[in-house]
Amino acid sequence: MNVLRTSNRLWAYFSPAEDIAPGERTGRFRIGSDQLVLDAGGRSRISAEDAAVALVDEAELPRFIQRRFTVGYSLSLFHPVLAGDMGWSVAVVTRQGPSSLAW
């Protein structure tokens, strides 16, 4: 990461969830920065299909220029305050079409 941080290149570093496997494309996941995104069971997981959506979204609309990001299913999609209390930088994403995001 230090090599990237000191370069003059534009980059983003994707750190996938601990458990990434083929599954359903839900379009509902959380984006984090340096901490794992955990679900209600304390697992860090995402389907390969939703991870691909996150990567394409970042390529189309860069938000993590010269930063690392991760994705995963939510501890609770309806408790952003709780996520903030745990020190996470997150955004809830719902994919609603080929190029549209709802925040």
C-alpha atoms as a PDB file:
ATOM      1  CA  MET A   1       0.000   0.000   0.000  1.00  0.00           C
ATOM      2  CA  ASN A   2       2.845   2.423   0.715  1.00  0.00           C
ATOM      3  CA  VAL A   3       4.122   2.081  -2.838  1.00  0.00           C
ATOM      4  CA  LEU A   4       0.675   3.007  -4.126  1.00  0.00           C
ATOM      5  CA  ARG A   5       0.246   5.872  -1.676  1.00  0.00           C
ATOM      6  CA  THR A   6       3.503   7.506  -2.729  1.00  0.00           C
ATOM      7  CA  SER A   7       2.951   7.067  -6.469  1.00  0.00           C
ATOM      8  CA  ASN A   8       1.518   9.705  -8.768  1.00  0.00           C
ATOM      9  CA  ARG A   9      -0.962   7.178 -10.221  1.00  0.00           C
ATOM     10  CA  LEU A  10      -4.704   7.170  -9.620  1.00  0.00           C
ATOM     11  CA  TRP A  11      -5.626   3.902  -7.944  1.00  0.00           C
ATOM     12  CA  ALA A  12      -8.190   2.178  -5.756  1.00  0.00           C
ATOM     13  CA  TYR A  13      -7.465  -0.989  -3.781  1.00  0.00           C
ATOM     14  CA  PHE A  14     -10.331  -3.469  -3.377  1.00  0.00           C
ATOM     15  CA  SER A  15     -10.184  -5.633  -0.239  1.00  0.00           C
ATOM     16  CA  PRO A  16     -12.972  -8.192  -0.595  1.00  0.00           C
ATOM     17  CA  ALA A  17     -14.918  -9.682   2.287  1.00  0.00           C
ATOM     18  CA  GLU A  18     -13.374 -12.681   4.047  1.00  0.00           C
ATOM     19  CA  ASP A  19     -15.953 -14.973   2.430  1.00  0.00           C
ATOM     20  CA  ILE A  20     -16.491 -14.283  -1.262  1.00  0.00           C
ATOM     21  CA  ALA A  21     -18.260 -17.005  -3.233  1.00  0.00           C
ATOM     22  CA  PRO A  22     -20.673 -17.450  -6.123  1.00  0.00           C
ATOM     23  CA  GLY A  23     -24.202 -16.604  -5.107  1.00  0.00           C
ATOM     24  CA  GLU A  24     -27.094 -14.268  -5.742  1.00  0.00           C
ATOM     25  CA  ARG A  25     -26.728 -10.746  -7.069  1.00  0.00           C
ATOM     26  CA  THR A  26     -28.752  -8.768  -4.547  1.00  0.00           C
ATOM     27  CA  GLY A  27     -27.505  -5.266  -5.292  1.00  0.00           C
ATOM     28  CA  ARG A  28     -27.684  -4.534  -1.541  1.00  0.00           C
ATOM     29  CA  PHE A  29     -24.373  -4.305   0.259  1.00  0.00           C
ATOM     30  CA  ARG A  30     -22.351  -1.892   2.336  1.00  0.00           C
ATOM     31  CA  ILE A  31     -19.149  -0.229   1.339  1.00  0.00           C
ATOM     32  CA  GLY A  32     -16.439   0.293   3.940  1.00  0.00           C
ATOM     33  CA  SER A  33     -12.897   1.546   4.008  1.00  0.00           C
ATOM     34  CA  ASP A  34     -10.321  -0.096   6.280  1.00  0.00           C
ATOM     35  CA  GLN A  35     -12.523  -2.357   8.425  1.00  0.00           C
ATOM     36  CA  LEU A  36     -14.381  -5.518   7.466  1.00  0.00           C
ATOM     37  CA  VAL A  37     -18.091  -5.085   6.843  1.00  0.00           C
ATOM     38  CA  LEU A  38     -19.931  -7.624   9.007  1.00  0.00           C
ATOM     39  CA  ASP A  39     -23.419  -9.077   8.758  1.00  0.00           C
ATOM     40  CA  ALA A  40     -25.766  -9.712  11.702  1.00  0.00           C
ATOM     41  CA  GLY A  41     -23.971 -12.993  12.435  1.00  0.00           C
ATOM     42  CA  GLY A  42     -20.570 -11.297  12.631  1.00  0.00           C
ATOM     43  CA  ARG A  43     -19.451 -12.733   9.271  1.00  0.00           C
ATOM     44  CA  SER A  44     -17.650 -10.823   6.549  1.00  0.00           C
ATOM     45  CA  ARG A  45     -19.221 -12.109   3.350  1.00  0.00           C
ATOM     46  CA  ILE A  46     -20.422 -11.124  -0.114  1.00  0.00           C
ATOM     47  CA  SER A  47     -21.378 -12.930  -3.292  1.00  0.00           C
ATOM     48  CA  ALA A  48     -18.984 -12.760  -6.221  1.00  0.00           C
ATOM     49  CA  GLU A  49     -21.813 -11.180  -8.202  1.00  0.00           C
ATOM     50  CA  ASP A  50     -22.273  -8.296  -5.719  1.00  0.00           C
ATOM     51  CA  ALA A  51     -18.494  -7.841  -5.443  1.00  0.00           C
ATOM     52  CA  ALA A  52     -18.400  -7.482  -9.240  1.00  0.00           C
ATOM     53  CA  VAL A  53     -21.151  -4.834  -9.076  1.00  0.00           C
ATOM     54  CA  ALA A  54     -19.103  -2.894  -6.498  1.00  0.00           C
ATOM     55  CA  LEU A  55     -15.987  -3.040  -8.684  1.00  0.00           C
ATOM     56  CA  VAL A  56     -17.844  -1.903 -11.806  1.00  0.00           C
ATOM     57  CA  ASP A  57     -19.496   0.900  -9.829  1.00  0.00           C
ATOM     58  CA  GLU A  58     -16.068   2.084  -8.645  1.00  0.00           C
ATOM     59  CA  ALA A  59     -14.705   1.969 -12.200  1.00  0.00           C
ATOM     60  CA  GLU A  60     -17.690   3.936 -13.551  1.00  0.00           C
ATOM     61  CA  LEU A  61     -17.955   6.442 -10.685  1.00  0.00           C
ATOM     62  CA  PRO A  62     -14.696   6.548  -8.696  1.00  0.00           C
ATOM     63  CA  ARG A  63     -15.214   7.329  -5.008  1.00  0.00           C
ATOM     64  CA  PHE A  64     -12.102   5.731  -3.539  1.00  0.00           C
ATOM     65  CA  ILE A  65      -9.330   7.470  -5.442  1.00  0.00           C
ATOM     66  CA  GLN A  66      -6.014   6.571  -3.831  1.00  0.00           C
ATOM     67  CA  ARG A  67      -7.790   4.668  -1.038  1.00  0.00           C
ATOM     68  CA  ARG A  68      -8.700   1.126  -0.108  1.00  0.00           C
ATOM     69  CA  PHE A  69     -12.316  -0.034   0.052  1.00  0.00           C
ATOM     70  CA  THR A  70     -14.235  -3.168   0.894  1.00  0.00           C
ATOM     71  CA  VAL A  71     -17.786  -4.440   0.530  1.00  0.00           C
ATOM     72  CA  GLY A  72     -19.946  -6.847   2.464  1.00  0.00           C
ATOM     73  CA  TYR A  73     -23.431  -7.596   3.610  1.00  0.00           C
ATOM     74  CA  SER A  74     -24.702  -5.410   6.356  1.00  0.00           C
ATOM     75  CA  LEU A  75     -24.721  -5.745  10.119  1.00  0.00           C
ATOM     76  CA  SER A  76     -27.984  -3.873   9.730  1.00  0.00           C
ATOM     77  CA  LEU A  77     -28.941  -1.871   6.683  1.00  0.00           C
ATOM     78  CA  PHE A  78     -31.251   0.173   8.879  1.00  0.00           C
ATOM     79  CA  HIS A  79     -28.850   1.196  11.672  1.00  0.00           C
ATOM     80  CA  PRO A  80     -26.190   3.499  10.176  1.00  0.00           C
ATOM     81  CA  VAL A  81     -25.660   5.093  13.605  1.00  0.00           C
ATOM     82  CA  LEU A  82     -24.632   1.726  15.041  1.00  0.00           C
ATOM     83  CA  ALA A  83     -22.169   1.243  12.204  1.00  0.00           C
ATOM     84  CA  GLY A  84     -20.764   4.721  12.840  1.00  0.00           C
ATOM     85  CA  ASP A  85     -20.379   3.956  16.553  1.00  0.00           C
ATOM     86  CA  MET A  86     -18.207   0.982  15.628  1.00  0.00           C
ATOM     87  CA  GLY A  87     -15.768   3.261  13.779  1.00  0.00           C
ATOM     88  CA  TRP A  88     -16.678   2.216  10.247  1.00  0.00           C
ATOM     89  CA  SER A  89     -16.854   4.471   7.266  1.00  0.00           C
ATOM     90  CA  VAL A  90     -19.741   2.993   5.311  1.00  0.00           C
ATOM     91  CA  ALA A  91     -22.364   3.708   2.705  1.00  0.00           C
ATOM     92  CA  VAL A  92     -25.437   1.622   1.976  1.00  0.00           C
ATOM     93  CA  VAL A  93     -25.749   0.913  -1.731  1.00  0.00           C
ATOM     94  CA  THR A  94     -28.735  -0.338  -3.657  1.00  0.00           C
ATOM     95  CA  ARG A  95     -28.134  -1.096  -7.304  1.00  0.00           C
ATOM     96  CA  GLN A  96     -31.195  -0.018  -9.315  1.00  0.00           C
ATOM     97  CA  GLY A  97     -30.114  -0.405 -12.895  1.00  0.00           C
ATOM     98  CA  PRO A  98     -27.123  -0.483 -15.179  1.00  0.00           C
ATOM     99  CA  SER A  99     -25.565   2.752 -13.916  1.00  0.00           C
ATOM    100  CA  SER A 100     -27.735   4.206 -11.172  1.00  0.00           C
ATOM    101  CA  LEU A 101     -27.021   4.209  -7.461  1.00  0.00           C
ATOM    102  CA  ALA A 102     -29.382   5.170  -4.651  1.00  0.00           C
ATOM    103  CA  TRP A 103     -27.746   6.491  -1.502  1.00  0.00           C
END
